[in-house]
Structure formats: structure tokens, C-alpha cells
Amino acid sequence: MSRLTLRLPETLHQQLTGLAEREGVSLNQYIVYALTRQTAGYVVVPAAESPQQQEEDFQVLIRQLKQGSSGAIESSLVSRDVVEPEPELTPEVVERVRLMIAAKGNKNEGG
């Protein structure tokens, strides 16, 4: 692995540090990620929300789904953001996760 010393304006350094913290990675990891994405022809788009905010939003949605009617559930599902799965998310991996979820659900129902 190579080492590079880089001088950054303080404001850019602070901005990159904040983005790295929101992603939960080191500044070095974030910069390597950003440069990799840029050189691959992609633009790095920082998450609109912090991981903590995403988790809170997810928990609110789960509570709403548990209390909601089938119409409300359908409405929530229709309004969600659809994203492309990671290449590593093969049908086999999806099936394993479904089985794990089903097993956990069965365990919780019986206990």
C-alpha cells in the first residue's frame, strides 16, 4: 500500500471529517472510498441522514407497520426508496437471510 501526504484547506478537512464520522469510518477510509468511486466514474453522494437518524426512521416505520392497516402498509411500501442490491447479494444469499428471519420468527413465537 502506498502513502500520500496531502495538504488540504481546513474547511475541506473539516467537511471530510464530518462525512467520515457520519458514515462511521475513519477519515482515511472515507477519502480512499471517495477517490475510488470518483476514479470508477461514480460520484460520491453522502448519506442525507446520519446512521442514527436512519435507524430511528426505520424503527418509526416498523412501529407504524405493526399498528397499521393493510392499506397503510401498502402505502408505506409504495413510498419507500428502491435501490439496486449490491452485486454480492445473490439469490442464494437472499434465500439464506429469509430462512434466518423465518427461523428467528418461529423461535420468538414459540418462546
N, C-alpha and C. Protein backbone atom coordinates (compact mmCIF):
# COMPACT_ATOMS: atom_id res chain seq x y z
N MET A 1 0.85 -1.17 0.00
CA MET A 1 0.00 0.00 0.00
C MET A 1 0.89 1.23 0.00
N SER A 2 0.50 2.25 -0.73
CA SER A 2 1.27 3.49 -0.83
C SER A 2 0.82 4.49 0.21
N ARG A 3 1.69 5.46 0.46
CA ARG A 3 1.39 6.54 1.39
C ARG A 3 1.46 7.84 0.62
N LEU A 4 0.54 8.75 0.92
CA LEU A 4 0.49 10.04 0.25
C LEU A 4 0.25 11.11 1.30
N THR A 5 1.10 12.12 1.31
CA THR A 5 0.89 13.26 2.19
C THR A 5 0.16 14.32 1.38
N LEU A 6 -0.91 14.83 1.93
CA LEU A 6 -1.75 15.75 1.19
C LEU A 6 -2.08 16.96 2.05
N ARG A 7 -1.93 18.15 1.49
CA ARG A 7 -2.31 19.37 2.19
C ARG A 7 -3.72 19.74 1.77
N LEU A 8 -4.59 19.95 2.74
CA LEU A 8 -5.99 20.30 2.47
C LEU A 8 -6.33 21.62 3.13
N PRO A 9 -7.18 22.41 2.51
CA PRO A 9 -7.72 23.58 3.21
C PRO A 9 -8.46 23.10 4.46
N GLU A 10 -8.39 23.86 5.51
CA GLU A 10 -9.01 23.45 6.78
C GLU A 10 -10.50 23.16 6.62
N THR A 11 -11.18 23.96 5.83
CA THR A 11 -12.63 23.75 5.67
C THR A 11 -12.91 22.42 4.97
N LEU A 12 -12.11 22.05 3.99
CA LEU A 12 -12.30 20.77 3.31
C LEU A 12 -11.99 19.62 4.26
N HIS A 13 -10.94 19.78 5.04
CA HIS A 13 -10.58 18.76 6.02
C HIS A 13 -11.74 18.53 7.01
N GLN A 14 -12.31 19.62 7.50
CA GLN A 14 -13.43 19.51 8.44
C GLN A 14 -14.65 18.86 7.78
N GLN A 15 -14.90 19.23 6.52
CA GLN A 15 -16.04 18.65 5.81
C GLN A 15 -15.84 17.15 5.62
N LEU A 16 -14.65 16.74 5.20
CA LEU A 16 -14.37 15.32 5.01
C LEU A 16 -14.44 14.55 6.33
N THR A 17 -13.95 15.17 7.39
CA THR A 17 -14.01 14.55 8.71
C THR A 17 -15.47 14.33 9.13
N GLY A 18 -16.31 15.33 8.91
CA GLY A 18 -17.73 15.20 9.24
C GLY A 18 -18.41 14.10 8.44
N LEU A 19 -18.10 14.04 7.15
CA LEU A 19 -18.70 12.99 6.30
C LEU A 19 -18.25 11.61 6.76
N ALA A 20 -16.97 11.48 7.09
CA ALA A 20 -16.46 10.20 7.56
C ALA A 20 -17.13 9.79 8.87
N GLU A 21 -17.30 10.74 9.77
CA GLU A 21 -17.94 10.44 11.05
C GLU A 21 -19.38 9.99 10.83
N ARG A 22 -20.11 10.66 9.93
CA ARG A 22 -21.50 10.28 9.65
C ARG A 22 -21.58 8.88 9.06
N GLU A 23 -20.57 8.50 8.29
CA GLU A 23 -20.55 7.16 7.70
C GLU A 23 -20.00 6.13 8.67
N GLY A 24 -19.43 6.59 9.79
CA GLY A 24 -18.89 5.67 10.79
C GLY A 24 -17.58 5.03 10.37
N VAL A 25 -16.77 5.74 9.57
CA VAL A 25 -15.48 5.21 9.13
C VAL A 25 -14.40 6.24 9.42
N SER A 26 -13.14 5.81 9.31
CA SER A 26 -12.05 6.74 9.52
C SER A 26 -11.96 7.71 8.35
N LEU A 27 -11.28 8.83 8.59
CA LEU A 27 -11.08 9.82 7.53
C LEU A 27 -10.34 9.18 6.37
N ASN A 28 -9.32 8.39 6.66
CA ASN A 28 -8.56 7.72 5.61
C ASN A 28 -9.48 6.81 4.78
N GLN A 29 -10.30 6.00 5.44
CA GLN A 29 -11.20 5.10 4.72
C GLN A 29 -12.16 5.89 3.83
N TYR A 30 -12.67 7.00 4.35
CA TYR A 30 -13.62 7.78 3.58
C TYR A 30 -12.96 8.38 2.34
N ILE A 31 -11.75 8.92 2.50
CA ILE A 31 -11.06 9.52 1.36
C ILE A 31 -10.73 8.46 0.32
N VAL A 32 -10.27 7.28 0.76
CA VAL A 32 -9.98 6.19 -0.19
C VAL A 32 -11.27 5.80 -0.92
N TYR A 33 -12.37 5.69 -0.18
CA TYR A 33 -13.65 5.35 -0.79
C TYR A 33 -14.06 6.40 -1.82
N ALA A 34 -13.95 7.69 -1.43
CA ALA A 34 -14.36 8.77 -2.33
C ALA A 34 -13.51 8.79 -3.59
N LEU A 35 -12.21 8.62 -3.43
CA LEU A 35 -11.34 8.61 -4.60
C LEU A 35 -11.60 7.38 -5.48
N THR A 36 -11.85 6.25 -4.87
CA THR A 36 -12.16 5.04 -5.64
C THR A 36 -13.43 5.23 -6.44
N ARG A 37 -14.45 5.75 -5.81
CA ARG A 37 -15.71 5.99 -6.52
C ARG A 37 -15.52 6.99 -7.66
N GLN A 38 -14.74 8.03 -7.40
CA GLN A 38 -14.53 9.06 -8.41
C GLN A 38 -13.77 8.50 -9.61
N THR A 39 -12.74 7.73 -9.35
CA THR A 39 -11.95 7.19 -10.46
C THR A 39 -12.69 6.09 -11.20
N ALA A 40 -13.70 5.52 -10.56
CA ALA A 40 -14.51 4.49 -11.22
C ALA A 40 -15.63 5.12 -12.04
N GLY A 41 -15.70 6.45 -12.06
CA GLY A 41 -16.72 7.13 -12.85
C GLY A 41 -18.00 7.42 -12.10
N TYR A 42 -18.00 7.22 -10.80
CA TYR A 42 -19.17 7.48 -9.98
C TYR A 42 -18.94 8.73 -9.15
N VAL A 43 -20.02 9.31 -8.71
CA VAL A 43 -19.94 10.48 -7.84
C VAL A 43 -20.29 10.02 -6.43
N VAL A 44 -19.50 10.43 -5.47
CA VAL A 44 -19.78 10.10 -4.08
C VAL A 44 -20.89 11.02 -3.60
N VAL A 45 -21.97 10.42 -3.13
CA VAL A 45 -23.09 11.18 -2.60
C VAL A 45 -23.22 10.83 -1.13
N PRO A 46 -22.91 11.75 -0.26
CA PRO A 46 -23.00 11.42 1.16
C PRO A 46 -24.45 11.14 1.56
N ALA A 47 -24.60 10.31 2.55
CA ALA A 47 -25.93 9.97 3.04
C ALA A 47 -26.62 11.24 3.51
N ALA A 48 -27.90 11.34 3.19
CA ALA A 48 -28.67 12.53 3.57
C ALA A 48 -28.86 12.59 5.08
N GLU A 49 -28.85 11.42 5.71
CA GLU A 49 -29.09 11.37 7.15
C GLU A 49 -27.99 10.56 7.81
N SER A 50 -27.82 10.79 9.08
CA SER A 50 -26.84 10.01 9.84
C SER A 50 -27.37 8.59 10.01
N PRO A 51 -26.48 7.64 10.26
CA PRO A 51 -26.94 6.27 10.52
C PRO A 51 -27.92 6.21 11.69
N GLN A 52 -27.70 7.04 12.69
CA GLN A 52 -28.61 7.05 13.84
C GLN A 52 -30.00 7.51 13.42
N GLN A 53 -30.06 8.56 12.57
CA GLN A 53 -31.35 9.06 12.10
C GLN A 53 -32.04 8.01 11.23
N GLN A 54 -31.27 7.34 10.39
CA GLN A 54 -31.84 6.28 9.55
C GLN A 54 -32.43 5.17 10.43
N GLU A 55 -31.71 4.80 11.50
CA GLU A 55 -32.20 3.76 12.41
C GLU A 55 -33.49 4.22 13.10
N GLU A 56 -33.52 5.48 13.55
CA GLU A 56 -34.73 5.99 14.20
C GLU A 56 -35.91 5.99 13.23
N ASP A 57 -35.67 6.43 11.98
CA ASP A 57 -36.73 6.43 10.97
C ASP A 57 -37.23 5.01 10.71
N PHE A 58 -36.29 4.07 10.66
CA PHE A 58 -36.65 2.68 10.43
C PHE A 58 -37.52 2.15 11.57
N GLN A 59 -37.14 2.45 12.81
CA GLN A 59 -37.91 1.98 13.96
C GLN A 59 -39.32 2.59 13.97
N VAL A 60 -39.43 3.86 13.60
CA VAL A 60 -40.75 4.51 13.49
C VAL A 60 -41.59 3.78 12.45
N LEU A 61 -40.98 3.48 11.29
CA LEU A 61 -41.70 2.77 10.24
C LEU A 61 -42.16 1.40 10.71
N ILE A 62 -41.31 0.68 11.42
CA ILE A 62 -41.68 -0.65 11.94
C ILE A 62 -42.86 -0.53 12.89
N ARG A 63 -42.82 0.45 13.79
CA ARG A 63 -43.94 0.63 14.72
C ARG A 63 -45.23 0.94 13.97
N GLN A 64 -45.11 1.79 12.93
CA GLN A 64 -46.30 2.14 12.15
C GLN A 64 -46.83 0.91 11.41
N LEU A 65 -45.95 0.11 10.88
CA LEU A 65 -46.38 -1.08 10.15
C LEU A 65 -47.07 -2.08 11.08
N LYS A 66 -46.57 -2.21 12.30
CA LYS A 66 -47.18 -3.13 13.26
C LYS A 66 -48.58 -2.68 13.64
N GLN A 67 -48.83 -1.37 13.62
CA GLN A 67 -50.12 -0.83 14.04
C GLN A 67 -51.04 -0.53 12.86
N GLY A 68 -50.49 -0.56 11.67
CA GLY A 68 -51.22 -0.08 10.50
C GLY A 68 -52.15 -1.10 9.88
N SER A 69 -53.07 -0.57 9.11
CA SER A 69 -53.97 -1.41 8.33
C SER A 69 -53.22 -1.90 7.10
N SER A 70 -53.81 -2.83 6.37
CA SER A 70 -53.14 -3.32 5.16
C SER A 70 -52.97 -2.19 4.15
N GLY A 71 -53.91 -1.24 4.10
CA GLY A 71 -53.78 -0.09 3.20
C GLY A 71 -52.61 0.79 3.59
N ALA A 72 -52.42 1.01 4.89
CA ALA A 72 -51.30 1.82 5.36
C ALA A 72 -49.98 1.13 5.08
N ILE A 73 -49.96 -0.18 5.24
CA ILE A 73 -48.74 -0.95 4.95
C ILE A 73 -48.41 -0.85 3.48
N GLU A 74 -49.39 -1.04 2.62
CA GLU A 74 -49.16 -0.93 1.18
C GLU A 74 -48.65 0.47 0.82
N SER A 75 -49.24 1.49 1.43
CA SER A 75 -48.82 2.86 1.17
C SER A 75 -47.37 3.08 1.56
N SER A 76 -46.97 2.54 2.72
CA SER A 76 -45.58 2.67 3.16
C SER A 76 -44.63 1.95 2.21
N LEU A 77 -45.02 0.78 1.77
CA LEU A 77 -44.17 0.02 0.86
C LEU A 77 -44.02 0.72 -0.48
N VAL A 78 -45.09 1.32 -0.96
CA VAL A 78 -45.04 2.02 -2.25
C VAL A 78 -44.16 3.26 -2.16
N SER A 79 -44.16 3.94 -1.01
CA SER A 79 -43.42 5.20 -0.89
C SER A 79 -41.94 5.01 -0.54
N ARG A 80 -41.50 3.78 -0.30
CA ARG A 80 -40.11 3.57 0.07
C ARG A 80 -39.18 3.78 -1.12
N ASP A 81 -37.94 4.10 -0.82
CA ASP A 81 -36.92 4.24 -1.85
C ASP A 81 -36.50 2.85 -2.32
N VAL A 82 -36.43 2.67 -3.62
CA VAL A 82 -35.99 1.41 -4.18
C VAL A 82 -34.54 1.60 -4.63
N VAL A 83 -33.66 0.70 -4.20
CA VAL A 83 -32.26 0.78 -4.56
C VAL A 83 -31.83 -0.54 -5.18
N GLU A 84 -30.80 -0.46 -5.99
CA GLU A 84 -30.25 -1.67 -6.59
C GLU A 84 -29.46 -2.43 -5.53
N PRO A 85 -29.62 -3.75 -5.47
CA PRO A 85 -28.86 -4.52 -4.48
C PRO A 85 -27.38 -4.57 -4.84
N GLU A 86 -26.57 -4.80 -3.85
CA GLU A 86 -25.13 -4.96 -4.07
C GLU A 86 -24.91 -6.22 -4.91
N PRO A 87 -23.86 -6.24 -5.72
CA PRO A 87 -23.60 -7.42 -6.56
C PRO A 87 -23.44 -8.70 -5.76
N GLU A 88 -22.93 -8.58 -4.52
CA GLU A 88 -22.73 -9.76 -3.68
C GLU A 88 -24.04 -10.35 -3.16
N LEU A 89 -25.13 -9.61 -3.33
CA LEU A 89 -26.43 -10.05 -2.81
C LEU A 89 -27.09 -10.97 -3.84
N THR A 90 -26.58 -12.17 -3.88
CA THR A 90 -27.07 -13.15 -4.85
C THR A 90 -28.39 -13.76 -4.37
N PRO A 91 -29.13 -14.43 -5.25
CA PRO A 91 -30.36 -15.09 -4.81
C PRO A 91 -30.12 -16.08 -3.68
N GLU A 92 -28.96 -16.73 -3.67
CA GLU A 92 -28.65 -17.69 -2.61
C GLU A 92 -28.52 -16.98 -1.26
N VAL A 93 -27.86 -15.82 -1.27
CA VAL A 93 -27.71 -15.06 -0.03
C VAL A 93 -29.07 -14.58 0.46
N VAL A 94 -29.90 -14.10 -0.45
CA VAL A 94 -31.24 -13.64 -0.09
C VAL A 94 -32.03 -14.79 0.54
N GLU A 95 -31.95 -15.97 -0.04
CA GLU A 95 -32.69 -17.12 0.49
C GLU A 95 -32.18 -17.49 1.88
N ARG A 96 -30.87 -17.45 2.09
CA ARG A 96 -30.32 -17.75 3.42
C ARG A 96 -30.83 -16.75 4.45
N VAL A 97 -30.88 -15.47 4.08
CA VAL A 97 -31.38 -14.45 5.01
C VAL A 97 -32.86 -14.69 5.31
N ARG A 98 -33.63 -15.00 4.27
CA ARG A 98 -35.06 -15.29 4.50
C ARG A 98 -35.24 -16.46 5.47
N LEU A 99 -34.44 -17.50 5.31
CA LEU A 99 -34.53 -18.65 6.20
C LEU A 99 -34.14 -18.27 7.63
N MET A 100 -33.11 -17.44 7.77
CA MET A 100 -32.70 -17.00 9.10
C MET A 100 -33.80 -16.18 9.76
N ILE A 101 -34.44 -15.29 8.99
CA ILE A 101 -35.52 -14.47 9.53
C ILE A 101 -36.70 -15.35 9.94
N ALA A 102 -37.04 -16.31 9.08
CA ALA A 102 -38.14 -17.22 9.39
C ALA A 102 -37.85 -18.02 10.65
N ALA A 103 -36.61 -18.50 10.78
CA ALA A 103 -36.23 -19.27 11.96
C ALA A 103 -36.32 -18.43 13.22
N LYS A 104 -35.87 -17.18 13.12
CA LYS A 104 -35.94 -16.28 14.28
C LYS A 104 -37.40 -16.00 14.64
N GLY A 105 -38.24 -15.81 13.61
CA GLY A 105 -39.66 -15.57 13.87
C GLY A 105 -40.32 -16.76 14.55
N ASN A 106 -39.99 -17.95 14.09
CA ASN A 106 -40.54 -19.16 14.70
C ASN A 106 -40.08 -19.32 16.14
N LYS A 107 -38.82 -18.99 16.39
CA LYS A 107 -38.26 -19.07 17.73
C LYS A 107 -38.96 -18.11 18.67
N ASN A 108 -39.20 -16.86 18.19
CA ASN A 108 -39.87 -15.86 19.01
C ASN A 108 -41.31 -16.20 19.29
N GLU A 109 -42.01 -16.81 18.32
CA GLU A 109 -43.40 -17.19 18.51
C GLU A 109 -43.55 -18.30 19.53
N GLY A 110 -42.58 -19.20 19.58
CA GLY A 110 -42.66 -20.33 20.49
C GLY A 110 -42.19 -20.02 21.89
N GLY A 111 -41.46 -18.91 22.06
CA GLY A 111 -40.85 -18.64 23.37
C GLY A 111 -41.59 -17.64 24.09
